[in-house]
Structure formats: C-alpha cells, structure tokens
Protein backbone atom coordinates (compact mmCIF):
# COMPACT_ATOMS: atom_id res chain seq x y z
CA UNK A 1 26.92 -26.38 -5.45
CA UNK A 2 28.81 -25.45 -8.34
CA UNK A 3 30.46 -21.51 -8.13
CA UNK A 4 30.10 -20.88 -11.32
CA UNK A 5 26.55 -22.38 -12.07
CA UNK A 6 25.25 -20.63 -8.85
CA UNK A 7 26.56 -17.11 -9.66
CA UNK A 8 24.90 -17.44 -13.46
CA UNK A 9 21.47 -17.37 -11.57
CA UNK A 10 22.34 -13.71 -9.92
CA UNK A 11 19.29 -11.75 -11.48
CA UNK A 12 21.01 -8.23 -12.19
CA UNK A 13 23.46 -8.56 -15.13
CA UNK A 14 26.26 -6.83 -13.04
CA UNK A 15 27.79 -7.12 -9.36
CA UNK A 16 27.69 -4.60 -7.33
CA UNK A 17 30.66 -4.05 -5.05
CA UNK A 18 30.63 -7.55 -2.35
CA UNK A 19 28.17 -9.29 -3.99
CA UNK A 20 29.90 -12.01 -5.68
CA UNK A 21 32.28 -12.46 -2.89
CA UNK A 22 29.40 -13.16 -0.70
CA UNK A 23 27.39 -15.53 -2.70
CA UNK A 24 31.18 -17.50 -3.27
CA UNK A 25 31.09 -17.64 0.58
CA UNK A 26 27.64 -18.52 0.91
CA UNK A 27 28.08 -21.73 -1.96
CA UNK A 28 31.26 -22.60 0.24
CA UNK A 29 29.26 -22.58 3.49
CA UNK A 30 26.39 -24.75 2.36
CA UNK A 31 28.85 -27.42 0.35
CA UNK A 32 30.49 -27.83 4.42
CA UNK A 33 27.55 -29.18 5.56
CA UNK A 34 26.26 -25.47 6.71
CA UNK A 35 22.31 -25.48 7.26
CA UNK A 36 21.88 -21.76 7.93
CA UNK A 37 23.33 -18.62 7.06
CA UNK A 38 22.83 -15.75 9.20
CA UNK A 39 23.82 -12.58 6.49
CA UNK A 40 24.88 -9.02 8.02
CA UNK A 41 24.32 -7.28 5.08
CA UNK A 42 23.78 -3.62 5.60
CA UNK A 43 21.78 -0.96 3.07
CA UNK A 44 23.02 -0.59 -0.17
CA UNK A 45 24.66 -4.51 -0.17
CA UNK A 46 21.88 -5.76 -2.27
CA UNK A 47 21.00 -8.53 -0.10
CA UNK A 48 17.59 -8.98 -2.12
CA UNK A 49 19.96 -9.79 -4.74
CA UNK A 50 22.21 -12.19 -3.28
CA UNK A 51 18.91 -13.72 -1.64
CA UNK A 52 17.33 -14.13 -5.21
CA UNK A 53 20.22 -15.97 -6.38
CA UNK A 54 19.60 -18.95 -4.12
CA UNK A 55 15.96 -18.85 -4.73
CA UNK A 56 16.88 -19.43 -8.27
CA UNK A 57 18.88 -22.45 -7.31
CA UNK A 58 16.12 -24.37 -4.70
CA UNK A 59 13.03 -24.01 -4.18
CA UNK A 60 12.11 -21.43 -1.93
CA UNK A 61 10.26 -19.38 0.26
CA UNK A 62 11.01 -15.78 0.90
CA UNK A 63 9.27 -13.85 3.36
CA UNK A 64 10.31 -10.66 5.29
CA UNK A 65 8.14 -8.73 8.08
CA UNK A 66 8.85 -5.67 5.99
CA UNK A 67 5.59 -4.74 3.33
CA UNK A 68 7.72 -2.22 2.05
CA UNK A 69 10.38 -4.72 1.36
CA UNK A 70 8.12 -6.85 -0.71
CA UNK A 71 6.92 -3.63 -2.64
CA UNK A 72 10.51 -3.50 -3.49
CA UNK A 73 10.95 -6.69 -4.79
CA UNK A 74 7.86 -6.25 -7.05
CA UNK A 75 8.82 -3.07 -8.23
CA UNK A 76 12.24 -4.07 -9.14
CA UNK A 77 12.55 -5.28 -13.01
CA UNK A 78 15.78 -7.61 -12.23
CA UNK A 79 13.77 -9.36 -9.53
CA UNK A 80 9.92 -9.13 -9.75
CA UNK A 81 9.49 -11.96 -12.19
CA UNK A 82 11.68 -14.64 -9.91
CA UNK A 83 8.49 -14.59 -7.41
CA UNK A 84 4.73 -15.13 -7.15
CA UNK A 85 3.44 -13.03 -4.41
CA UNK A 86 0.63 -14.68 -1.99
CA UNK A 87 -1.38 -12.22 0.46
CA UNK A 88 -4.03 -13.24 3.35
CA UNK A 89 -7.59 -13.77 1.85
CA UNK A 90 -8.67 -10.47 3.37
CA UNK A 91 -6.57 -8.88 0.32
CA UNK A 92 -8.39 -10.39 -2.54
CA UNK A 93 -12.18 -10.24 -3.50
CA UNK A 94 -14.71 -12.74 -3.71
CA UNK A 95 -15.74 -13.96 -7.37
CA UNK A 96 -19.37 -13.93 -6.31
CA UNK A 97 -19.55 -10.89 -4.23
CA UNK A 98 -16.80 -8.16 -5.28
CA UNK A 99 -17.86 -6.25 -2.33
CA UNK A 100 -16.28 -8.28 0.19
CA UNK A 101 -12.94 -9.71 0.39
CA UNK A 102 -12.03 -13.59 0.31
CA UNK A 103 -12.27 -13.83 4.17
CA UNK A 104 -16.13 -12.92 4.38
CA UNK A 105 -16.88 -14.11 0.59
CA UNK A 106 -20.08 -15.92 -0.20
CA UNK A 107 -18.71 -19.42 0.44
CA UNK A 108 -18.01 -18.11 4.39
CA UNK A 109 -21.40 -16.95 4.61
CA UNK A 110 -23.54 -19.69 3.15
CA UNK A 111 -23.08 -23.32 4.41
CA UNK A 112 -24.58 -24.80 0.95
CA UNK A 113 -22.41 -22.71 -1.16
CA UNK A 114 -19.99 -24.77 -3.42
CA UNK A 115 -17.60 -22.48 -4.89
CA UNK A 116 -15.24 -23.70 -7.71
CA UNK A 117 -12.22 -21.86 -6.04
CA UNK A 118 -9.48 -23.31 -8.24
CA UNK A 119 -11.33 -21.59 -11.26
CA UNK A 120 -12.70 -18.72 -9.93
CA UNK A 121 -11.59 -17.67 -6.66
CA UNK A 122 -8.68 -14.65 -7.14
CA UNK A 123 -6.57 -15.91 -3.77
CA UNK A 124 -7.09 -19.96 -4.41
CA UNK A 125 -5.53 -18.97 -8.06
CA UNK A 126 -2.89 -17.56 -6.89
CA UNK A 127 -2.55 -20.15 -4.31
CA UNK A 128 -2.41 -22.72 -6.95
CA UNK A 129 0.29 -20.34 -8.70
CA UNK A 130 2.36 -20.64 -5.63
CA UNK A 131 2.42 -24.15 -5.46
CA UNK A 132 3.78 -24.65 -8.99
CA UNK A 133 6.25 -21.65 -8.65
CA UNK A 134 10.11 -22.22 -7.82
CA UNK A 135 10.09 -19.15 -5.10
CA UNK A 136 6.86 -17.60 -3.07
CA UNK A 137 7.25 -14.28 -1.90
CA UNK A 138 5.09 -13.49 1.34
CA UNK A 139 5.10 -11.85 4.37
CA UNK A 140 6.28 -13.27 7.72
CA UNK A 141 3.06 -13.02 9.01
CA UNK A 142 1.37 -14.86 6.43
CA UNK A 143 4.09 -17.78 6.42
CA UNK A 144 3.34 -18.84 10.09
CA UNK A 145 -0.35 -18.49 9.20
CA UNK A 146 -0.33 -20.29 6.12
CA UNK A 147 1.66 -22.99 8.19
CA UNK A 148 -1.66 -23.92 9.29
CA UNK A 149 -3.04 -25.09 5.97
CA UNK A 150 -3.85 -29.09 5.46
CA UNK A 151 -4.34 -31.08 2.64
CA UNK A 152 -3.35 -30.05 -1.49
CA UNK A 153 -3.78 -26.39 -0.70
CA UNK A 154 -0.87 -26.44 2.11
CA UNK A 155 2.57 -24.93 0.59
CA UNK A 156 4.35 -27.21 3.12
CA UNK A 157 7.91 -27.17 2.90
CA UNK A 158 10.74 -26.37 0.28
CA UNK A 159 14.55 -26.33 -0.12
CA UNK A 160 15.18 -23.08 0.98
CA UNK A 161 13.33 -20.62 3.42
CA UNK A 162 14.90 -16.85 3.31
CA UNK A 163 14.10 -14.75 5.58
CA UNK A 164 14.79 -11.10 5.22
CA UNK A 165 15.12 -7.80 7.32
CA UNK A 166 14.85 -10.74 10.22
CA UNK A 167 16.15 -9.11 12.98
CA UNK A 168 13.33 -9.67 15.46
CA UNK A 169 12.33 -12.68 14.29
CA UNK A 170 11.53 -13.46 17.97
CA UNK A 171 9.73 -10.26 18.64
CA UNK A 172 7.09 -11.36 15.48
CA UNK A 173 6.83 -15.08 17.03
CA UNK A 174 5.67 -13.32 20.21
CA UNK A 175 3.37 -11.49 18.57
CA UNK A 176 1.84 -13.85 16.71
CA UNK A 177 1.38 -16.54 19.68
CA UNK A 178 0.06 -13.41 22.32
CA UNK A 179 -3.20 -12.89 23.09
CA UNK A 180 -5.69 -10.48 24.48
CA UNK A 181 -8.94 -10.91 26.27
CA UNK A 182 -10.61 -7.69 25.94
CA UNK A 183 -13.56 -5.62 24.20
CA UNK A 184 -11.44 -4.38 21.27
CA UNK A 185 -10.42 -8.29 20.71
CA UNK A 186 -13.30 -10.61 20.67
CA UNK A 187 -16.82 -9.68 20.20
CA UNK A 188 -18.78 -7.65 22.65
CA UNK A 189 -21.70 -9.98 23.52
CA UNK A 190 -19.35 -12.64 23.98
CA UNK A 191 -16.55 -10.58 25.94
CA UNK A 192 -19.69 -9.65 28.53
CA UNK A 193 -20.18 -13.32 29.03
CA UNK A 194 -16.85 -13.95 30.05
CA UNK A 195 -15.89 -10.52 31.70
CA UNK A 196 -16.56 -11.66 35.31
CA UNK A 197 -14.25 -14.26 34.94
CA UNK A 198 -11.33 -11.38 34.88
CA UNK A 199 -12.41 -9.64 38.18
CA UNK A 200 -9.17 -10.99 39.72
CA UNK A 201 -5.88 -11.26 37.86
CA UNK A 202 -4.74 -14.88 37.97
CA UNK A 203 -2.37 -15.67 40.85
CA UNK A 204 -0.38 -18.13 39.57
CA UNK A 205 0.03 -19.74 36.31
CA UNK A 206 -2.55 -22.57 37.33
CA UNK A 207 -5.31 -20.11 37.91
CA UNK A 208 -3.70 -18.20 34.12
CA UNK A 209 -4.40 -21.93 32.36
CA UNK A 210 -8.25 -22.57 34.33
CA UNK A 211 -9.27 -18.54 33.00
CA UNK A 212 -7.95 -19.40 29.53
CA UNK A 213 -9.74 -23.08 29.18
CA UNK A 214 -12.86 -21.04 30.66
CA UNK A 215 -12.72 -18.17 28.25
CA UNK A 216 -11.71 -20.80 25.21
CA UNK A 217 -14.91 -22.81 25.57
CA UNK A 218 -17.17 -20.10 25.75
CA UNK A 219 -15.54 -18.75 22.65
CA UNK A 220 -15.95 -22.19 20.94
CA UNK A 221 -19.59 -22.36 21.87
CA UNK A 222 -20.07 -18.53 20.02
CA UNK A 223 -18.21 -19.65 17.10
CA UNK A 224 -20.33 -23.38 16.63
CA UNK A 225 -23.59 -21.23 17.46
CA UNK A 226 -22.63 -18.82 14.56
CA UNK A 227 -21.78 -22.06 12.03
CA UNK A 228 -24.79 -23.77 12.85
CA UNK A 229 -26.75 -20.39 12.25
CA UNK A 230 -25.42 -20.70 8.97
CA UNK A 231 -26.75 -23.90 7.94
CA UNK A 232 -30.20 -22.42 8.13
CA UNK A 233 -29.81 -19.19 6.84
CA UNK A 234 -26.62 -16.69 4.80
CA UNK A 235 -24.42 -15.28 7.70
CA UNK A 236 -24.27 -11.72 7.59
CA UNK A 237 -20.63 -9.54 6.52
CA UNK A 238 -20.98 -8.73 10.37
CA UNK A 239 -21.81 -12.48 11.65
CA UNK A 240 -19.07 -13.83 9.32
CA UNK A 241 -16.27 -11.09 10.76
CA UNK A 242 -17.14 -12.24 14.48
CA UNK A 243 -16.73 -15.81 13.47
CA UNK A 244 -13.33 -15.14 11.99
CA UNK A 245 -12.01 -13.14 15.37
CA UNK A 246 -13.30 -15.87 17.36
CA UNK A 247 -11.92 -18.43 15.22
CA UNK A 248 -8.61 -16.07 15.44
CA UNK A 249 -8.69 -15.67 18.85
CA UNK A 250 -9.71 -19.82 19.60
CA UNK A 251 -6.16 -20.94 17.86
CA UNK A 252 -4.27 -18.40 19.80
CA UNK A 253 -5.35 -19.91 22.88
CA UNK A 254 -5.09 -23.33 21.53
CA UNK A 255 -1.22 -22.82 20.91
CA UNK A 256 -1.04 -21.21 24.45
CA UNK A 257 -3.07 -24.37 26.19
CA UNK A 258 -0.64 -27.33 24.11
CA UNK A 259 2.35 -25.68 25.16
CA UNK A 260 1.45 -23.93 28.45
CA UNK A 261 3.64 -26.85 30.41
CA UNK A 262 6.67 -26.10 27.76
CA UNK A 263 6.89 -22.51 27.47
CA UNK A 264 7.21 -19.13 30.33
CA UNK A 265 4.40 -16.52 30.15
CA UNK A 266 3.83 -13.72 31.67
CA UNK A 267 0.39 -11.77 31.99
CA UNK A 268 -0.97 -8.02 32.83
CA UNK A 269 -4.47 -7.74 33.52
CA UNK A 270 -5.22 -3.56 32.97
CA UNK A 271 -7.98 -1.58 32.19
CA UNK A 272 -8.73 0.08 28.67
CA UNK A 273 -11.60 2.41 27.54
CA UNK A 274 -14.47 0.49 25.29
CA UNK A 275 -17.75 2.47 24.46
CA UNK A 276 -16.82 5.51 27.31
CA UNK A 277 -16.42 2.60 30.09
CA UNK A 278 -13.30 1.06 31.64
CA UNK A 279 -12.95 -2.36 30.46
CA UNK A 280 -10.54 -5.18 31.97
CA UNK A 281 -7.54 -6.17 29.85
CA UNK A 282 -5.59 -9.08 30.09
CA UNK A 283 -2.81 -9.66 27.85
CA UNK A 284 -0.86 -13.07 27.83
CA UNK A 285 2.59 -13.29 25.75
CA UNK A 286 5.50 -15.75 26.25
CA UNK A 287 8.68 -14.98 27.56
CA UNK A 288 11.03 -16.04 25.02
CA UNK A 289 9.97 -17.25 21.71
CA UNK A 290 12.53 -19.54 21.07
CA UNK A 291 9.75 -22.88 21.24
CA UNK A 292 7.58 -21.09 18.69
CA UNK A 293 10.42 -20.55 16.17
CA UNK A 294 11.10 -24.51 16.05
CA UNK A 295 6.86 -25.31 16.05
CA UNK A 296 5.81 -22.66 13.56
CA UNK A 297 8.56 -21.41 11.58
CA UNK A 298 12.17 -23.95 10.83
CA UNK A 299 9.86 -26.75 9.40
CA UNK A 300 9.14 -25.11 6.62
CA UNK A 301 12.56 -25.91 4.84
CA UNK A 302 15.90 -27.80 4.67
CA UNK A 303 18.17 -25.02 4.80
CA UNK A 304 18.03 -20.97 5.61
CA UNK A 305 18.97 -17.58 4.85
CA UNK A 306 18.43 -14.93 7.50
CA UNK A 307 19.20 -11.48 6.43
CA UNK A 308 19.51 -8.00 7.92
CA UNK A 309 21.62 -5.41 8.82
CA UNK A 310 21.52 -5.79 12.52
CA UNK A 311 22.20 -9.47 13.14
CA UNK A 312 24.32 -8.02 15.97
CA UNK A 313 24.94 -10.80 18.51
CA UNK A 314 24.87 -14.11 16.26
CA UNK A 315 24.87 -16.44 19.08
CA UNK A 316 22.07 -14.50 21.09
CA UNK A 317 20.06 -14.35 17.26
CA UNK A 318 20.05 -18.00 17.50
CA UNK A 319 18.96 -18.27 20.64
CA UNK A 320 16.33 -16.01 20.86
CA UNK A 321 14.97 -17.28 17.28
CA UNK A 322 14.78 -21.18 18.35
CA UNK A 323 17.71 -22.25 15.60
CA UNK A 324 19.41 -23.85 18.17
CA UNK A 325 15.89 -26.09 19.10
CA UNK A 326 16.57 -27.51 15.35
CA UNK A 327 20.44 -27.36 14.19
CA UNK A 328 23.89 -27.45 15.81
CA UNK A 329 26.16 -25.06 16.27
CA UNK A 330 28.53 -25.79 13.35
CA UNK A 331 25.41 -26.04 10.93
CA UNK A 332 25.25 -22.05 11.37
CA UNK A 333 27.15 -19.41 10.31
CA UNK A 334 27.83 -15.67 10.12
CA UNK A 335 28.93 -14.05 7.23
CA UNK A 336 29.08 -10.00 7.65
CA UNK A 337 28.94 -7.65 4.40
CA UNK A 338 30.78 -4.41 4.37
CA UNK A 339 28.93 -1.02 3.08
CA UNK A 340 29.60 0.37 0.18
CA UNK A 341 28.50 4.02 1.10
CA UNK A 342 31.51 6.51 2.11
CA UNK A 343 31.22 7.10 5.59
CA UNK A 344 31.89 10.72 5.22
CA UNK A 345 28.04 10.80 3.77
CA UNK A 346 26.69 8.81 6.99
CA UNK A 347 28.57 10.96 9.83
CA UNK A 348 27.04 10.23 13.21
CA UNK A 349 27.27 13.59 15.34
CA UNK A 350 27.45 14.03 18.96
CA UNK A 351 25.41 16.60 20.00
CA UNK A 352 24.82 14.81 23.74
CA UNK A 353 24.89 17.05 26.80
CA UNK A 354 22.94 14.88 29.23
CA UNK A 355 20.64 11.58 29.84
CA UNK A 356 17.21 11.36 29.09
CA UNK A 357 16.92 8.25 31.33
CA UNK A 358 13.81 7.87 33.28
CA UNK A 359 15.24 9.75 36.39
CA UNK A 360 16.98 12.11 34.56
CA UNK A 361 14.53 12.96 31.44
CA UNK A 362 12.77 16.37 33.64
CA UNK A 363 15.91 17.54 34.26
CA UNK A 364 17.38 17.35 30.91
CA UNK A 365 14.69 17.60 28.47
CA UNK A 366 14.89 21.21 28.33
CA UNK A 367 18.45 21.63 27.35
CA UNK A 368 17.88 18.76 24.82
CA UNK A 369 15.02 20.88 23.23
CA UNK A 370 17.69 23.39 22.45
CA UNK A 371 20.34 21.48 20.91
CA UNK A 372 17.29 20.45 19.01
CA UNK A 373 16.58 24.04 17.96
CA UNK A 374 20.54 24.33 17.09
CA UNK A 375 20.42 21.11 14.82
CA UNK A 376 17.36 22.52 13.34
CA UNK A 377 19.23 25.94 12.23
CA UNK A 378 21.97 23.65 11.07
CA UNK A 379 20.12 21.94 8.47
CA UNK A 380 17.41 24.81 7.73
CA UNK A 381 15.64 23.78 4.51
CA UNK A 382 16.35 20.13 4.71
CA UNK A 383 13.92 17.43 5.33
CA UNK A 384 14.70 15.94 9.13
CA UNK A 385 13.44 13.00 10.95
CA UNK A 386 13.48 13.69 14.67
CA UNK A 387 13.27 10.02 16.30
CA UNK A 388 11.47 10.86 19.49
CA UNK A 389 10.78 7.19 21.02
CA UNK A 390 7.12 8.09 22.30
CA UNK A 391 4.80 10.19 21.48
CA UNK A 392 4.57 11.91 24.94
CA UNK A 393 8.19 12.89 23.93
CA UNK A 394 7.00 14.34 20.03
CA UNK A 395 4.53 16.46 21.98
CA UNK A 396 6.52 17.69 24.34
CA UNK A 397 9.36 18.45 22.00
CA UNK A 398 6.71 20.08 19.77
CA UNK A 399 5.47 22.42 22.73
CA UNK A 400 8.90 23.59 23.96
CA UNK A 401 10.28 24.29 20.49
CA UNK A 402 10.33 28.14 19.69
CA UNK A 403 7.70 29.45 18.32
CA UNK A 404 9.88 29.90 14.61
CA UNK A 405 10.07 26.88 14.30
CA UNK A 406 6.88 25.30 14.67
CA UNK A 407 5.70 25.67 10.79
CA UNK A 408 8.20 23.15 10.20
CA UNK A 409 6.77 20.59 12.18
CA UNK A 410 5.35 17.52 10.91
CA UNK A 411 3.81 16.19 14.38
CA UNK A 412 3.23 12.44 14.38
CA UNK A 413 -0.04 11.59 16.18
CA UNK A 414 -1.21 7.87 16.52
CA UNK A 415 -4.48 8.88 14.80
CA UNK A 416 -2.80 10.33 12.23
CA UNK A 417 0.43 7.96 11.91
CA UNK A 418 0.23 7.19 8.00
CA UNK A 419 -0.69 10.93 6.65
CA UNK A 420 1.47 12.47 9.40
CA UNK A 421 4.82 10.64 7.40
CA UNK A 422 2.91 10.55 3.86
CA UNK A 423 2.90 14.57 4.46
CA UNK A 424 6.75 14.63 5.48
CA UNK A 425 7.57 12.97 2.56
CA UNK A 426 6.20 14.63 0.20
CA UNK A 427 6.92 18.13 1.82
CA UNK A 428 10.75 19.81 1.59
CA UNK A 429 12.47 21.36 4.41
CA UNK A 430 10.12 19.69 7.17
CA UNK A 431 10.84 18.34 10.48
CA UNK A 432 9.32 15.09 11.17
CA UNK A 433 8.72 14.57 14.40
CA UNK A 434 8.12 10.55 14.58
CA UNK A 435 7.73 7.35 16.95
CA UNK A 436 8.48 4.02 15.99
CA UNK A 437 9.41 4.49 12.20
CA UNK A 438 13.07 2.83 12.60
CA UNK A 439 12.40 -0.18 10.05
CA UNK A 440 10.91 -0.51 7.12
CA UNK A 441 11.22 3.02 5.43
CA UNK A 442 12.82 3.71 2.44
CA UNK A 443 13.70 7.40 2.73
CA UNK A 444 16.05 8.00 -0.37
CA UNK A 445 17.52 11.34 -1.67
CA UNK A 446 15.84 14.43 -0.45
CA UNK A 447 12.99 12.71 1.54
CA UNK A 448 15.50 12.35 4.63
CA UNK A 449 18.87 14.82 4.59
CA UNK A 450 19.43 14.56 8.35
CA UNK A 451 17.98 12.51 11.25
CA UNK A 452 18.15 13.11 14.76
CA UNK A 453 18.33 10.60 17.19
CA UNK A 454 16.09 12.68 20.20
CA UNK A 455 15.82 9.38 22.70
CA UNK A 456 17.28 5.95 22.44
CA UNK A 457 14.77 3.43 22.41
CA UNK A 458 15.70 1.32 25.29
CA UNK A 459 12.95 -1.22 25.31
CA UNK A 460 10.15 -0.42 28.08
CA UNK A 461 10.54 -1.16 31.60
CA UNK A 462 6.77 -1.39 32.44
CA UNK A 463 6.48 -4.37 29.76
CA UNK A 464 6.22 -7.18 32.07
CA UNK A 465 8.13 -9.29 29.45
CA UNK A 466 11.06 -7.06 29.69
CA UNK A 467 11.28 -6.58 33.61
CA UNK A 468 11.19 -10.67 33.39
CA UNK A 469 14.13 -10.80 31.67
CA UNK A 470 16.13 -8.00 33.36
CA UNK A 471 15.02 -9.76 36.51
CA UNK A 472 17.28 -13.01 35.27
CA UNK A 473 20.19 -10.01 34.34
CA UNK A 474 20.00 -10.17 31.02
CA UNK A 475 21.02 -6.85 30.40
CA UNK A 476 22.67 -7.85 27.20
CA UNK A 477 19.80 -8.99 25.68
CA UNK A 478 18.08 -5.38 26.70
CA UNK A 479 20.64 -3.13 25.15
CA UNK A 480 21.25 -5.28 22.20
CA UNK A 481 17.48 -4.85 21.71
CA UNK A 482 18.49 -0.55 22.03
CA UNK A 483 21.26 -0.64 20.04
CA UNK A 484 19.42 -2.65 17.09
CA UNK A 485 16.55 -0.20 16.82
CA UNK A 486 19.13 2.49 16.65
CA UNK A 487 21.41 1.36 13.97
CA UNK A 488 17.72 0.36 11.78
CA UNK A 489 16.94 4.24 12.54
CA UNK A 490 20.55 5.18 11.42
CA UNK A 491 19.63 3.50 7.92
CA UNK A 492 16.77 4.68 6.86
CA UNK A 493 17.92 8.06 5.00
CA UNK A 494 21.28 7.15 2.90
CA UNK A 495 20.07 4.27 0.74
CA UNK A 496 22.76 4.76 -2.57
CA UNK A 497 25.91 5.96 -2.62
CA UNK A 498 24.83 9.38 -3.87
CA UNK A 499 22.95 9.94 -0.36
CA UNK A 500 24.27 11.83 2.39
CA UNK A 501 22.41 12.18 5.78
CA UNK A 502 23.64 13.22 9.18
CA UNK A 503 22.60 11.21 11.96
CA UNK A 504 22.81 13.59 15.02
CA UNK A 505 22.84 12.32 18.41
CA UNK A 506 21.26 14.09 21.56
CA UNK A 507 20.58 11.50 24.45
CA UNK A 508 23.61 10.68 26.10
CA UNK A 509 22.51 7.14 27.21
CA UNK A 510 23.97 6.36 23.60
CA UNK A 511 27.28 6.34 24.98
CA UNK A 512 27.01 3.68 27.60
CA UNK A 513 24.86 2.08 25.14
CA UNK A 514 27.69 1.49 22.52
CA UNK A 515 30.17 1.26 25.49
CA UNK A 516 28.17 -2.10 26.95
CA UNK A 517 27.45 -3.37 23.46
CA UNK A 518 31.10 -2.89 21.98
CA UNK A 519 31.31 -6.08 20.97
CA UNK A 520 28.22 -6.17 19.09
CA UNK A 521 28.68 -2.85 16.49
CA UNK A 522 28.95 -3.86 12.92
CA UNK A 523 31.89 -2.58 11.44
CA UNK A 524 30.34 -0.56 8.92
CA UNK A 525 28.38 1.43 11.63
CA UNK A 526 31.27 2.04 14.20
CA UNK A 527 33.06 3.49 11.37
CA UNK A 528 30.39 6.43 10.98
CA UNK A 529 30.90 7.24 15.08
CA UNK A 530 33.34 9.93 16.30
CA UNK A 531 36.61 8.90 17.39
CA UNK A 532 36.23 9.51 20.99
CA UNK A 533 33.06 7.12 20.76
CA UNK A 534 35.77 4.34 19.30
CA UNK A 535 34.73 5.31 15.39
CA UNK A 536 36.93 7.12 13.14
CA UNK A 537 35.54 10.29 12.12
CA UNK A 538 36.77 13.59 13.83
C-alpha cells in the first residue's frame, strides 16, 4: 500500500487531529503483514472516516451492532455515497402486496408464484446493488444472517471487513446463537406439543442434547407440514410468520447440534407467564463465543479493522472474539487514538460515599438518593441522564426522591422504553432515570449536559453464564465488562469539542473497579478521573 494513495481516499476535504497519523500507522501495519487492526478510537476521533478510507481501497463490508451508527453514516454528506446499505427482508415491502414485507411476501405464501425478483423485489434489487458495490453497509446481525445465503445472491467474502463499535462482539455472537424454548419463541401450538419434554431440567449435557434434538424434530415436522399446506393453497400471513419463526429456531438449534461437542454450553430452566398461566422456559447459550467468531464471522474477509472506544484489553478481545482461531498473534495489532476533547469539558466527579453492591445496597441506597438530589440541585435547568443499571433501581430512586424533584423526572419503564427516551431528548431541564442506554446514543449538545452513574453495571451474577465464568476465576473478564459499560456510558454526552458534561459517580464500587482494571483504562478516560483515583483532575 502507498500512503499517499491511501490518504487521497480520505472522504473529507480536511483531517481532524490524529486522523492522518492514524491512517499512516494503519498502512504501515498492513504493509508489515498485519491482518487485523484493533483501533481504539474515542468519541470525536472520526473513526468512521478512517474506516471509510480503507473501504475505498478494498472491497469491503462495513458492519456495526449499533443501528444508530448506520443512520449517522447515511446522514453524513461526506460518507453516505461510498456505501450501499443492505437490511433484512423485513425492512422492505413486497412489490405484489405492499401491505406485507418481503419476509412474508407473496413468494413466501404461494409455492406456485415465480417472482421476477431481480426486476421488482426491493430487497433483491438492493442486494444486487450490494453485490456490485465497493462497500456494503449493514448491521452486525444481518452480516451473520446473510452468511447463510448460498448461490448467486450470496455476498460471500471480501477483501476487508470493518466492524465498528465492536467492543462486545462476543456478546453479540452469543445472542445470535443462543436459543430459547418457550411459548414466546415458538408458535404456541408447537410449544404445547413439546411442553411435557420440559417437565424436568436436563441434568447433564447428554440429556440437554436429547431434549433439543427432540424439539428440533418436532419443529421440523411442523415446518414441513406448513410447506406442504402451501402447495395446495396460499399460506396466510400468520402461517408464513409461524413458518419463519420455526425456521429461525431450527437454524439456531442446528448450530447447537452441529457444534455441541466443540463448545461449552449452559442452560437454565425458568418460568414465564403466557396467556395468564406460568409456562416453562429453557434458555441455552454458549459460555464462550470464540468458535462462533471463526465459523460465522471471520471467514467473510481477508483482513479486518475492528474499531471502538472500549477495546480495553486487546489480548482478551482477540480470545473472546475468536480471532486467535484464525490469525497468529503477530497478525493482530492494537492502535490507540488520543481524545481530541478538552478534559476539562468532560470531568469525572467523585460523588461517592458507599458501595451499592448486593450486600451493601439496602444500607446505602437512601444516602445514594440524597447525593443524587444534591447533584440535581447543582445541575438544575439541565438535561441529566442517570444510569440506574436496573428498572428496580430506577423505580426505587423515583419513589425515594423528594416530591419537589418529581416534575423533572422521566422514569423509563420496559414497556415505554423508546417513548421515554424520545420524551427526555426532546425536553430541557429533565432528569432521565434510564436503564441500558450506555451504548449507541448520540446525546450531543444540550440533549444531555450531565450524567450520573448511580450504580456500576457489573454483569448479573444470577446469569448462569456469568456464574460459570466466575467459577473459573475469570474475574478480569468480569471487571472489564463492567468498565466497558461505564466508559461507553461516559461517552454518550460529550460528542464534540464544544460539548460540556460532568460525569458524576455515586457508587463507590467504581473506585474498586478502576483499581482492578488500572492497566485496561484508556489514557483519554484516565485523564478525566480525579487525581486521587489516578487521574489528572483536582
């Protein structure tokens, strides 16, 4: 690669600070034989522009788990015309039935219907455009799903795969391959036929395999029955939706059955309420994602750029994502980009007075709410996001707050999650008691002028996968997962040089967290910490 030629492909007429130097380092790395660059790039570094430069050099896939990032790229006048975006079939409408999406379109309902899809189907037309495109822009989930496509419509592999905001690849891989046996995940009439198989939780892996195999056989029979019915008459929309659910579930079960002897799995039998009655629910998921990275992801390209602000431990990332199964250690390099945002605009403020861990929560919760009230007084008139970590915490905070604060509160609930977010973002002077909005949010300017970390988001100890890993003393992974979420939350508010937002920490568990993860803390975040915590701020 010639540096001058690559730099000429930069999609903007000017470089931000560190962008040119970063691209030059990346060119040197690829020229030296590196196959994967892990790019640690904080908010404001313009990593999408850096990534796009290399997408213009090689045929590429550009994928991200964050749909909001896809929207940002499509809105950017310097980036949008370098990509062809491709989504799942449920996002396009059938040419012969505009009331139905392509995944339940006429061709899925009528076996005798020969759709000229290359000419009329909006999904297939877009896919043909993607086949010819230099770079295809897509979600991480669609990248994995499309990998199953065979024949002339398969996008196959390319020269470069860019994964942006990819710090949690392992979690997304696990979410993609895990599967659930419940009335919410299978058509209810099918669930009723196999419900008796869930009477007892499998005692060992052999029993689990037998159970999944039996359910898979039943699901396959039901899917085949629907397909045969479609030979004699058109299927209804509901029947096609049912067939899609059966086929989706079956494909996940087949991954489990095909890799069962190569992967460690956990399972959990619980209860769920469906149609007013308790029903058994079995969740099956792998403990580690590595093998799935190799089987489902890394085959899609010859080389990779993986970018995020929170690749905290490159060696752990390589192992968790399965890169170590396809590349040698000297074929992976970590390049870190400094932050361009003044640290005084994004300070981390010590508001701690006690821990909110399980054994200290009841004792310390009341004072934590009192401290929050003091912060609300200091930041009065500003939009504030309070990261509560759980809906129970959010509800308890609201109930314990003095009534004089109640008219400022937007309390997020599971049922009105997106509506609550929009209400807060469109308001001013409101306080958002939020859960799981640590990633994928662009709270620029006065949308969010202060943030509060009420509770450190440690992984759930009741999750059997987490428990299994801690049985193996994998505490480094556990603490890095929490730190990753904290730093992601921190990055939601200050998105430009001119943005200012203080980040208050109430849970004193954070002090222990940064002590344990000191070597993993990015320099740009460490500088924003108080001096007594190892940072640079008084």
